[in-house]
N, C-alpha and C. Protein backbone atom coordinates (compact mmCIF):
# COMPACT_ATOMS: atom_id res chain seq x y z
N UNK A 1 0.88 -1.18 -0.05
CA UNK A 1 -0.05 0.10 -0.09
C UNK A 1 0.82 1.08 0.03
N UNK A 2 1.91 1.19 0.70
CA UNK A 2 2.90 2.30 0.66
C UNK A 2 3.33 2.95 -0.61
N UNK A 3 3.57 2.03 -1.41
CA UNK A 3 4.15 2.19 -2.86
C UNK A 3 2.95 3.01 -3.60
N UNK A 4 1.65 2.87 -3.38
CA UNK A 4 0.79 3.99 -4.08
C UNK A 4 0.43 3.53 -5.40
N UNK A 5 1.15 2.66 -6.00
CA UNK A 5 0.77 2.26 -7.45
C UNK A 5 0.29 0.87 -7.48
N UNK A 6 -0.55 0.69 -8.53
CA UNK A 6 -1.26 -0.80 -8.84
C UNK A 6 0.03 -1.84 -9.08
N UNK A 7 0.95 -1.51 -9.76
CA UNK A 7 2.10 -2.41 -10.38
C UNK A 7 3.21 -2.32 -9.51
N UNK A 8 3.10 -1.53 -8.33
CA UNK A 8 4.49 -1.26 -7.42
C UNK A 8 5.57 -0.84 -8.15
N UNK A 9 5.48 0.12 -9.19
CA UNK A 9 6.57 0.64 -9.83
C UNK A 9 7.50 1.65 -9.08
N UNK A 10 6.70 2.45 -8.15
CA UNK A 10 7.57 3.44 -7.36
C UNK A 10 8.66 2.83 -6.55
N UNK A 11 8.33 1.71 -5.70
CA UNK A 11 9.37 1.20 -4.86
C UNK A 11 10.30 0.38 -5.89
N UNK A 12 9.58 -0.65 -6.77
CA UNK A 12 10.25 -1.67 -7.35
C UNK A 12 10.08 -2.96 -6.76
N UNK A 13 9.88 -4.02 -7.33
CA UNK A 13 9.59 -5.54 -7.02
C UNK A 13 10.67 -6.00 -5.96
N UNK A 14 12.01 -5.56 -6.50
CA UNK A 14 13.11 -6.10 -5.77
C UNK A 14 13.19 -5.58 -4.37
N UNK A 15 13.03 -4.18 -4.13
CA UNK A 15 12.83 -3.84 -2.80
C UNK A 15 11.56 -4.20 -2.19
N UNK A 16 10.43 -4.34 -2.73
CA UNK A 16 9.25 -4.69 -1.85
C UNK A 16 9.57 -6.28 -1.46
N UNK A 17 10.06 -7.07 -2.47
CA UNK A 17 10.39 -8.55 -2.21
C UNK A 17 11.18 -8.63 -1.01
N UNK A 18 12.22 -7.92 -1.03
CA UNK A 18 13.45 -7.85 0.03
C UNK A 18 12.59 -7.70 1.57
N UNK A 19 11.90 -6.73 1.55
CA UNK A 19 11.18 -6.08 2.89
C UNK A 19 10.21 -7.18 3.01
N UNK A 20 9.33 -7.60 2.16
CA UNK A 20 8.18 -8.71 2.27
C UNK A 20 8.91 -9.97 2.84
N UNK A 21 10.07 -10.54 2.15
CA UNK A 21 10.67 -11.57 2.76
C UNK A 21 11.18 -11.55 4.24
N UNK A 22 11.71 -10.38 4.37
CA UNK A 22 12.21 -10.17 5.92
C UNK A 22 11.21 -10.30 7.03
N UNK A 23 10.04 -9.60 6.52
CA UNK A 23 8.83 -9.72 7.55
C UNK A 23 8.22 -11.19 7.62
N UNK A 24 8.34 -11.84 6.62
CA UNK A 24 7.85 -13.22 6.57
C UNK A 24 8.61 -13.97 7.39
N UNK A 25 9.94 -14.09 7.23
CA UNK A 25 10.91 -14.57 8.04
C UNK A 25 10.87 -14.33 9.44
N UNK A 26 10.67 -13.14 9.85
CA UNK A 26 10.58 -12.71 11.11
C UNK A 26 9.41 -13.26 11.71
N UNK A 27 8.35 -13.36 11.18
CA UNK A 27 7.03 -13.99 11.60
C UNK A 27 7.12 -15.31 11.90
N UNK A 28 7.75 -16.06 11.04
CA UNK A 28 7.88 -17.46 11.14
C UNK A 28 8.74 -17.81 12.57
N UNK A 29 9.81 -17.09 12.43
CA UNK A 29 10.67 -17.33 13.61
C UNK A 29 9.90 -16.98 14.86
N UNK A 30 9.16 -15.86 14.96
CA UNK A 30 8.30 -15.39 16.16
C UNK A 30 7.21 -16.70 16.56
N UNK A 31 6.75 -17.23 15.41
CA UNK A 31 5.99 -18.53 15.55
C UNK A 31 6.55 -19.87 15.74
N UNK A 32 7.87 -19.77 15.56
CA UNK A 32 8.71 -21.06 15.86
C UNK A 32 8.21 -22.13 14.68
N UNK A 33 8.18 -21.68 13.42
CA UNK A 33 7.86 -22.75 12.41
C UNK A 33 8.77 -22.36 11.16
N UNK A 34 8.80 -23.25 10.36
CA UNK A 34 9.53 -22.91 9.16
C UNK A 34 8.84 -21.89 8.19
N UNK A 35 9.57 -21.23 7.34
CA UNK A 35 9.30 -20.32 6.48
C UNK A 35 8.00 -20.71 5.62
N UNK A 36 8.34 -21.84 4.92
CA UNK A 36 7.39 -22.24 3.96
C UNK A 36 5.88 -22.62 4.71
N UNK A 37 6.15 -23.32 5.88
CA UNK A 37 4.89 -23.48 6.71
C UNK A 37 4.22 -22.25 7.06
N UNK A 38 4.98 -21.10 7.37
CA UNK A 38 4.28 -20.08 7.60
C UNK A 38 3.71 -19.22 6.41
N UNK A 39 4.32 -19.34 5.38
CA UNK A 39 3.53 -18.84 4.22
C UNK A 39 2.35 -19.67 3.83
N UNK A 40 2.29 -20.96 4.00
CA UNK A 40 1.36 -21.72 3.57
C UNK A 40 0.09 -21.54 4.61
N UNK A 41 0.39 -21.40 5.79
CA UNK A 41 -0.80 -20.93 6.83
C UNK A 41 -1.32 -19.66 6.34
N UNK A 42 -0.52 -18.59 6.23
CA UNK A 42 -0.79 -17.28 6.01
C UNK A 42 -1.58 -17.15 4.79
N UNK A 43 -1.59 -17.87 3.69
CA UNK A 43 -2.40 -17.73 2.57
C UNK A 43 -3.25 -18.76 2.43
N UNK A 44 -3.47 -19.67 3.64
CA UNK A 44 -4.54 -20.71 3.78
C UNK A 44 -4.63 -21.45 2.68
N UNK A 45 -3.48 -22.08 2.28
CA UNK A 45 -3.41 -22.86 1.19
C UNK A 45 -3.67 -24.42 1.32
N UNK A 46 -4.08 -24.78 2.65
CA UNK A 46 -4.20 -26.05 3.15
C UNK A 46 -3.00 -26.87 3.11
N UNK A 47 -3.23 -28.25 3.35
CA UNK A 47 -1.98 -29.27 3.46
C UNK A 47 -1.61 -29.56 2.17
N UNK A 48 -0.26 -29.91 2.12
CA UNK A 48 0.36 -30.05 0.84
C UNK A 48 1.39 -31.24 0.84
N UNK A 49 1.65 -32.05 -0.15
CA UNK A 49 2.40 -33.02 -0.12
C UNK A 49 3.71 -33.11 -0.95
N UNK A 50 3.89 -31.84 -1.40
CA UNK A 50 5.27 -31.97 -2.06
C UNK A 50 6.04 -30.85 -1.58
N UNK A 51 7.53 -31.06 -1.67
CA UNK A 51 8.58 -30.26 -1.08
C UNK A 51 8.36 -28.87 -1.70
N UNK A 52 8.99 -27.97 -0.90
CA UNK A 52 9.23 -26.63 -1.70
C UNK A 52 10.14 -26.84 -2.78
N UNK A 53 9.97 -26.33 -4.02
CA UNK A 53 10.50 -26.66 -5.24
C UNK A 53 11.25 -25.40 -5.63
N UNK A 54 12.45 -25.36 -6.14
CA UNK A 54 13.12 -23.85 -6.66
C UNK A 54 12.51 -23.82 -8.09
N UNK A 55 12.49 -22.39 -8.39
CA UNK A 55 12.52 -21.92 -9.69
C UNK A 55 13.78 -21.43 -10.00
N UNK A 56 14.52 -21.82 -11.01
CA UNK A 56 15.81 -21.59 -11.33
C UNK A 56 16.08 -20.72 -12.43
N UNK A 57 16.46 -19.47 -12.44
CA UNK A 57 16.46 -18.88 -13.67
C UNK A 57 17.73 -19.07 -14.38
N UNK A 58 17.69 -19.48 -15.62
CA UNK A 58 18.74 -19.96 -16.10
C UNK A 58 19.04 -19.14 -17.66
N UNK A 59 18.18 -18.51 -18.14
CA UNK A 59 18.30 -17.69 -19.32
C UNK A 59 17.62 -16.42 -19.12
N UNK A 60 18.22 -15.32 -19.32
CA UNK A 60 17.83 -13.84 -19.14
C UNK A 60 17.53 -13.28 -20.53
N UNK A 61 16.56 -12.20 -20.52
CA UNK A 61 16.40 -11.54 -21.72
C UNK A 61 15.87 -10.24 -20.92
N UNK A 62 15.02 -9.39 -21.99
CA UNK A 62 14.34 -8.24 -21.49
C UNK A 62 15.36 -7.18 -20.90
N UNK A 63 14.89 -6.55 -19.71
CA UNK A 63 15.59 -5.55 -19.09
C UNK A 63 16.71 -6.19 -18.27
N UNK A 64 16.75 -7.43 -18.26
CA UNK A 64 17.85 -8.02 -17.47
C UNK A 64 18.93 -8.55 -18.07
N UNK A 65 18.93 -8.16 -19.39
CA UNK A 65 20.23 -8.55 -20.18
C UNK A 65 20.34 -7.66 -21.43
N UNK A 66 21.45 -7.76 -21.86
CA UNK A 66 21.91 -6.82 -23.02
C UNK A 66 21.71 -7.76 -24.19
N UNK A 67 20.40 -8.11 -24.63
CA UNK A 67 20.45 -9.04 -25.98
C UNK A 67 19.16 -8.63 -26.55
N UNK A 68 18.65 -9.58 -27.49
CA UNK A 68 17.62 -9.16 -28.20
C UNK A 68 16.27 -10.23 -27.79
N UNK A 69 16.55 -10.80 -26.85
CA UNK A 69 15.47 -11.62 -26.25
C UNK A 69 14.38 -10.62 -25.38
N UNK A 70 13.28 -10.74 -25.74
CA UNK A 70 12.19 -9.86 -25.18
C UNK A 70 11.83 -10.28 -23.91
N UNK A 71 11.67 -11.51 -23.56
CA UNK A 71 11.02 -11.91 -22.46
C UNK A 71 12.22 -12.02 -21.35
N UNK A 72 12.03 -11.92 -19.98
CA UNK A 72 12.92 -11.42 -19.21
C UNK A 72 13.55 -12.67 -18.42
N UNK A 73 12.65 -13.84 -18.04
CA UNK A 73 13.13 -14.75 -17.21
C UNK A 73 12.86 -16.13 -17.77
N UNK A 74 13.70 -16.92 -18.22
CA UNK A 74 13.40 -18.42 -18.48
C UNK A 74 13.73 -19.24 -17.29
N UNK A 75 13.23 -20.12 -16.60
CA UNK A 75 13.33 -20.77 -15.43
C UNK A 75 13.06 -22.18 -15.70
N UNK A 76 13.75 -23.07 -14.66
CA UNK A 76 13.60 -24.48 -14.73
C UNK A 76 13.16 -24.72 -13.41
N UNK A 77 12.05 -26.06 -13.33
CA UNK A 77 11.64 -26.18 -12.14
C UNK A 77 11.75 -27.75 -12.00
N UNK A 78 12.90 -28.15 -11.27
CA UNK A 78 13.04 -29.49 -10.93
C UNK A 78 11.81 -30.12 -10.17
N UNK A 79 11.19 -31.15 -10.60
CA UNK A 79 10.02 -31.83 -9.74
C UNK A 79 10.04 -33.17 -9.42
N UNK A 80 10.73 -34.03 -10.03
CA UNK A 80 10.51 -35.30 -9.64
C UNK A 80 11.87 -35.86 -8.79
N UNK A 81 11.84 -35.37 -7.69
CA UNK A 81 12.89 -35.60 -6.76
C UNK A 81 12.37 -35.65 -5.41
N UNK A 82 13.43 -36.35 -4.36
CA UNK A 82 13.03 -36.47 -3.24
C UNK A 82 13.60 -35.60 -2.15
N UNK A 83 14.40 -34.62 -2.66
CA UNK A 83 14.87 -33.63 -1.68
C UNK A 83 15.15 -32.38 -2.51
N UNK A 84 15.31 -31.26 -1.72
CA UNK A 84 15.69 -29.94 -2.06
C UNK A 84 17.04 -30.09 -2.79
N UNK A 85 18.02 -30.86 -1.84
CA UNK A 85 19.36 -31.10 -2.35
C UNK A 85 19.30 -31.50 -3.80
N UNK A 86 18.55 -32.38 -4.18
CA UNK A 86 18.52 -33.04 -5.43
C UNK A 86 18.01 -32.25 -6.53
N UNK A 87 16.98 -31.23 -5.97
CA UNK A 87 16.54 -30.20 -7.07
C UNK A 87 17.98 -29.30 -7.44
N UNK A 88 18.39 -28.96 -6.36
CA UNK A 88 19.77 -28.02 -6.77
C UNK A 88 20.72 -28.54 -7.60
N UNK A 89 20.87 -29.84 -7.24
CA UNK A 89 21.84 -30.70 -8.19
C UNK A 89 21.42 -30.88 -9.48
N UNK A 90 19.92 -31.06 -9.71
CA UNK A 90 19.51 -31.25 -10.96
C UNK A 90 19.56 -29.91 -11.83
N UNK A 91 19.26 -28.80 -11.33
CA UNK A 91 19.25 -27.59 -11.59
C UNK A 91 20.83 -27.12 -12.17
N UNK A 92 21.68 -27.42 -11.32
CA UNK A 92 23.01 -27.05 -11.60
C UNK A 92 23.49 -27.78 -12.85
N UNK A 93 23.14 -29.09 -13.01
CA UNK A 93 23.47 -29.89 -14.12
C UNK A 93 22.89 -29.35 -15.50
N UNK A 94 21.66 -28.97 -15.31
CA UNK A 94 20.92 -28.37 -16.47
C UNK A 94 21.72 -27.12 -16.91
N UNK A 95 22.06 -26.15 -15.82
CA UNK A 95 22.61 -25.04 -16.01
C UNK A 95 23.89 -25.06 -16.81
N UNK A 96 24.76 -25.94 -16.18
CA UNK A 96 26.12 -26.02 -17.01
C UNK A 96 26.09 -26.83 -18.22
N UNK A 97 25.14 -27.65 -18.32
CA UNK A 97 24.98 -28.09 -19.63
C UNK A 97 24.48 -27.18 -20.78
N UNK A 98 23.60 -26.38 -20.25
CA UNK A 98 22.94 -25.26 -21.09
C UNK A 98 24.33 -24.30 -21.63
N UNK A 99 25.20 -23.91 -20.64
CA UNK A 99 26.54 -23.24 -20.82
C UNK A 99 27.09 -23.86 -21.92
N UNK A 100 27.37 -25.06 -21.89
CA UNK A 100 28.28 -25.88 -22.91
C UNK A 100 27.53 -25.92 -24.41
N UNK A 101 26.24 -26.02 -24.31
CA UNK A 101 25.39 -26.19 -25.65
C UNK A 101 25.40 -24.53 -26.21
N UNK A 102 25.26 -23.64 -25.38
CA UNK A 102 25.46 -22.30 -25.96
C UNK A 102 26.77 -22.05 -26.69
N UNK A 103 27.85 -22.27 -25.73
CA UNK A 103 29.09 -21.88 -26.30
C UNK A 103 29.51 -22.83 -27.39
N UNK A 104 29.11 -23.99 -27.52
CA UNK A 104 29.40 -24.68 -28.64
C UNK A 104 28.63 -24.37 -29.95
N UNK A 105 27.64 -23.64 -29.64
CA UNK A 105 26.61 -23.07 -30.89
C UNK A 105 27.25 -21.57 -30.97
N UNK A 106 28.30 -21.15 -30.30
CA UNK A 106 29.01 -19.84 -30.72
C UNK A 106 28.36 -18.68 -29.84
N UNK A 107 27.44 -18.94 -28.98
CA UNK A 107 26.86 -17.84 -28.46
C UNK A 107 27.62 -17.47 -27.03
N UNK A 108 27.59 -16.24 -26.61
CA UNK A 108 28.24 -15.85 -25.37
C UNK A 108 27.41 -16.47 -24.33
N UNK A 109 28.28 -16.70 -23.36
CA UNK A 109 27.74 -17.43 -22.15
C UNK A 109 27.92 -16.26 -20.86
N UNK A 110 27.82 -15.01 -21.07
CA UNK A 110 27.91 -14.00 -20.15
C UNK A 110 26.37 -14.08 -19.45
N UNK A 111 26.22 -13.79 -18.44
CA UNK A 111 25.15 -13.65 -17.58
C UNK A 111 24.41 -12.37 -17.31
N UNK A 112 23.11 -12.54 -17.54
CA UNK A 112 22.26 -11.21 -16.95
C UNK A 112 22.19 -10.71 -15.55
N UNK A 113 21.24 -9.87 -15.35
CA UNK A 113 21.18 -9.48 -13.96
C UNK A 113 20.83 -10.18 -12.97
N UNK A 114 20.00 -11.27 -13.35
CA UNK A 114 19.54 -12.30 -12.60
C UNK A 114 20.25 -13.56 -12.50
N UNK A 115 21.43 -13.73 -13.20
CA UNK A 115 22.20 -14.88 -12.97
C UNK A 115 22.07 -15.98 -14.26
N UNK A 116 21.14 -15.76 -15.03
CA UNK A 116 21.06 -16.60 -16.08
C UNK A 116 21.84 -16.25 -17.45
N UNK A 117 22.02 -17.09 -18.22
CA UNK A 117 23.01 -16.72 -19.55
C UNK A 117 21.95 -15.67 -20.12
N UNK A 118 22.87 -14.92 -21.05
CA UNK A 118 22.00 -13.87 -21.78
C UNK A 118 22.51 -13.96 -23.33
N UNK A 119 22.49 -15.06 -23.92
CA UNK A 119 22.90 -15.00 -25.21
C UNK A 119 22.00 -14.30 -26.27
N UNK A 120 22.33 -13.82 -27.39
CA UNK A 120 21.60 -12.90 -28.38
C UNK A 120 20.89 -13.99 -29.30
N UNK A 121 19.83 -14.49 -28.85
CA UNK A 121 19.09 -15.37 -29.56
C UNK A 121 18.10 -14.66 -30.42
N UNK A 122 17.76 -15.31 -31.54
CA UNK A 122 16.71 -14.60 -32.66
C UNK A 122 15.11 -14.61 -32.12
N UNK A 123 14.74 -15.51 -31.18
CA UNK A 123 13.45 -15.42 -30.74
C UNK A 123 13.34 -16.06 -29.27
N UNK A 124 12.18 -15.67 -28.72
CA UNK A 124 11.95 -16.16 -27.48
C UNK A 124 11.78 -17.62 -27.52
N UNK A 125 11.10 -18.13 -28.45
CA UNK A 125 11.14 -19.62 -28.59
C UNK A 125 12.36 -20.20 -28.59
N UNK A 126 13.28 -19.89 -29.36
CA UNK A 126 14.62 -20.29 -29.21
C UNK A 126 15.31 -20.60 -27.98
N UNK A 127 14.90 -19.64 -27.13
CA UNK A 127 15.40 -19.73 -25.59
C UNK A 127 14.83 -20.92 -25.16
N UNK A 128 13.51 -21.20 -25.34
CA UNK A 128 13.09 -22.29 -24.76
C UNK A 128 13.67 -23.69 -25.45
N UNK A 129 13.83 -23.58 -26.64
CA UNK A 129 14.47 -24.76 -27.26
C UNK A 129 15.87 -25.04 -26.74
N UNK A 130 16.60 -24.18 -26.59
CA UNK A 130 17.71 -24.35 -26.07
C UNK A 130 17.59 -24.99 -24.55
N UNK A 131 16.88 -24.61 -23.79
CA UNK A 131 16.63 -25.16 -22.39
C UNK A 131 16.18 -26.51 -22.39
N UNK A 132 15.27 -26.72 -23.59
CA UNK A 132 14.84 -28.33 -23.60
C UNK A 132 15.96 -29.18 -24.15
N UNK A 133 16.83 -28.65 -24.93
CA UNK A 133 17.98 -29.37 -25.14
C UNK A 133 18.92 -29.73 -24.26
N UNK A 134 19.12 -28.71 -23.26
CA UNK A 134 20.00 -29.00 -22.00
C UNK A 134 19.33 -29.94 -21.22
N UNK A 135 18.01 -29.83 -21.11
CA UNK A 135 17.36 -30.89 -20.09
C UNK A 135 17.64 -32.19 -20.58
N UNK A 136 17.11 -32.49 -21.93
CA UNK A 136 17.60 -33.75 -22.50
C UNK A 136 18.73 -34.16 -22.42
N UNK A 137 19.89 -33.44 -22.76
CA UNK A 137 21.17 -33.77 -22.86
C UNK A 137 21.57 -34.10 -21.44
N UNK A 138 21.13 -33.72 -20.52
CA UNK A 138 21.27 -33.94 -18.95
C UNK A 138 20.76 -35.31 -18.53
N UNK A 139 19.87 -35.90 -19.46
CA UNK A 139 19.16 -37.12 -19.15
C UNK A 139 17.79 -37.03 -18.67
N UNK A 140 17.35 -35.83 -18.26
CA UNK A 140 15.82 -35.66 -17.80
C UNK A 140 14.89 -35.46 -18.96
N UNK A 141 13.56 -35.58 -18.39
CA UNK A 141 12.83 -35.42 -19.28
C UNK A 141 11.84 -34.16 -18.99
N UNK A 142 11.64 -33.26 -19.83
CA UNK A 142 10.94 -32.14 -19.75
C UNK A 142 9.44 -32.60 -19.55
N UNK A 143 8.65 -31.99 -18.63
CA UNK A 143 7.31 -32.34 -18.26
C UNK A 143 7.02 -33.35 -17.29
N UNK A 144 8.26 -34.09 -17.23
CA UNK A 144 8.37 -35.41 -16.19
C UNK A 144 9.12 -35.02 -14.98
N UNK A 145 10.43 -34.65 -15.43
CA UNK A 145 11.44 -34.48 -14.34
C UNK A 145 11.66 -32.85 -14.02
N UNK A 146 11.37 -31.94 -15.08
CA UNK A 146 11.71 -30.84 -15.13
C UNK A 146 10.47 -29.99 -15.97
N UNK A 147 10.01 -28.91 -15.33
CA UNK A 147 9.15 -27.92 -16.23
C UNK A 147 9.96 -26.74 -16.33
N UNK A 148 9.54 -25.96 -17.36
CA UNK A 148 9.88 -24.54 -17.84
C UNK A 148 8.95 -23.58 -17.27
N UNK A 149 9.30 -22.57 -16.61
CA UNK A 149 8.72 -21.40 -16.15
C UNK A 149 9.07 -20.19 -16.61
N UNK A 150 7.96 -19.27 -16.87
CA UNK A 150 8.48 -18.03 -17.61
C UNK A 150 7.99 -16.85 -16.80
N UNK A 151 9.01 -15.92 -16.68
CA UNK A 151 8.50 -14.69 -16.19
C UNK A 151 8.74 -13.45 -17.00
N UNK A 152 7.99 -13.46 -18.07
CA UNK A 152 8.18 -12.53 -19.32
C UNK A 152 8.44 -11.04 -19.03
N UNK A 153 7.81 -10.59 -17.89
CA UNK A 153 7.76 -9.09 -17.59
C UNK A 153 7.05 -8.52 -18.67
N UNK A 154 5.94 -9.07 -19.01
CA UNK A 154 5.10 -8.58 -20.23
C UNK A 154 4.81 -7.07 -20.19
N UNK A 155 4.79 -6.42 -18.82
CA UNK A 155 4.37 -5.12 -18.89
C UNK A 155 5.65 -4.11 -19.60
N UNK A 156 6.71 -4.85 -19.63
CA UNK A 156 7.76 -4.00 -20.16
C UNK A 156 7.89 -4.11 -21.71
N UNK A 157 6.97 -4.71 -22.38
CA UNK A 157 7.01 -4.90 -23.77
C UNK A 157 5.40 -4.58 -24.18
N UNK A 158 4.57 -4.35 -23.37
CA UNK A 158 3.27 -3.89 -23.56
C UNK A 158 3.11 -2.37 -23.82
N UNK A 159 2.70 -2.03 -25.05
CA UNK A 159 2.65 -0.81 -25.57
C UNK A 159 1.53 -0.49 -26.50
N UNK A 160 0.61 0.53 -26.10
CA UNK A 160 -0.55 0.76 -26.77
C UNK A 160 -1.64 -0.31 -26.96
N UNK A 161 -1.73 -1.29 -25.94
CA UNK A 161 -2.70 -2.22 -26.17
C UNK A 161 -2.19 -3.57 -26.87
N UNK A 162 -0.80 -3.47 -27.11
CA UNK A 162 -0.19 -4.61 -27.86
C UNK A 162 0.97 -5.00 -27.11
N UNK A 163 1.59 -6.29 -27.24
CA UNK A 163 2.74 -6.85 -27.00
C UNK A 163 3.68 -6.50 -28.11
N UNK A 164 4.87 -5.70 -27.73
CA UNK A 164 5.77 -5.50 -28.99
C UNK A 164 7.11 -6.19 -28.70
N UNK A 165 7.47 -7.28 -29.53
CA UNK A 165 8.61 -8.04 -29.29
C UNK A 165 9.53 -7.23 -30.30
N UNK A 166 10.31 -6.50 -29.73
CA UNK A 166 11.25 -5.75 -30.53
C UNK A 166 12.38 -6.69 -31.10
N UNK A 167 12.79 -7.80 -30.35
CA UNK A 167 13.94 -8.67 -30.78
C UNK A 167 13.34 -9.42 -31.87
N UNK A 168 12.18 -9.79 -32.24
CA UNK A 168 11.66 -10.47 -33.19
C UNK A 168 11.00 -9.80 -34.15
N UNK A 169 10.95 -8.46 -33.88
CA UNK A 169 10.23 -7.44 -35.01
C UNK A 169 8.67 -7.78 -35.39
N UNK A 170 8.05 -8.14 -34.05
CA UNK A 170 6.49 -8.71 -34.06
C UNK A 170 5.82 -7.78 -33.34
N UNK A 171 4.49 -7.32 -33.41
CA UNK A 171 3.62 -6.89 -32.59
C UNK A 171 2.30 -7.93 -32.50
N UNK A 172 1.87 -8.26 -31.19
CA UNK A 172 0.98 -9.15 -31.11
C UNK A 172 -0.05 -8.60 -30.19
N UNK A 173 -1.28 -9.15 -30.50
CA UNK A 173 -2.46 -8.59 -29.48
C UNK A 173 -2.47 -9.75 -28.31
N UNK A 174 -3.23 -9.52 -27.33
CA UNK A 174 -3.22 -10.53 -26.12
C UNK A 174 -3.83 -11.90 -26.53
N UNK A 175 -4.87 -11.76 -27.54
CA UNK A 175 -5.38 -13.16 -28.01
C UNK A 175 -4.17 -13.89 -28.66
N UNK A 176 -3.51 -13.41 -29.47
CA UNK A 176 -2.43 -14.24 -30.25
C UNK A 176 -1.37 -14.60 -29.12
N UNK A 177 -0.85 -13.77 -28.26
CA UNK A 177 0.25 -14.03 -27.31
C UNK A 177 -0.17 -15.13 -26.32
N UNK A 178 -1.48 -15.34 -26.00
CA UNK A 178 -1.89 -16.33 -25.05
C UNK A 178 -2.05 -17.71 -25.94
N UNK A 179 -1.87 -17.77 -27.28
CA UNK A 179 -1.88 -18.96 -27.85
C UNK A 179 -0.67 -19.44 -28.28
N UNK A 180 0.27 -18.75 -28.12
CA UNK A 180 1.79 -19.23 -28.29
C UNK A 180 2.15 -20.34 -27.52
N UNK A 181 2.56 -21.47 -28.12
CA UNK A 181 2.88 -22.73 -27.53
C UNK A 181 3.48 -22.59 -26.04
N UNK A 182 4.37 -21.77 -25.72
CA UNK A 182 5.08 -21.67 -24.50
C UNK A 182 4.12 -21.09 -23.54
N UNK A 183 2.93 -20.66 -23.87
CA UNK A 183 2.03 -19.97 -22.92
C UNK A 183 0.84 -21.11 -22.63
N UNK A 184 0.79 -22.09 -23.27
CA UNK A 184 -0.18 -23.07 -23.00
C UNK A 184 -0.08 -24.18 -22.10
């Protein structure tokens, strides 16, 4: 509420997230329960039977990278595991495999603001295809062992009622963008 805007652009998501996480951690400690249990209870999400799962940002575009990829964050979500430690191992394997694949294909393996690789790819879909290739090369199965998650930061390329993908030279309306294969 203190920000005063609907999309929190005065303070920014990173500042708000830091304060929110600090308050949540302090409240969890006060109640002597783990953070994920505190958050579950606070949002009345009911019982759950899966471990907390990391979303690992492995490829960056948008304002977080100096490249032509319009969407901001491409993440992997290791799901078919028995521990958080396994999730981290799995994510690390895919991350370093992606680096090798990008490097072998002649792309830069420098990283963006969020720690994901920031290659100068032709399309957003190409970013997803490279991630799928890395998942497969490490011996995992997409949609069974690992999911792909996107944080496109669409508000950054939404202009005059359309989504302007400057890197691809396309302008799409919301009906078209929601039918793209990676949004289904």
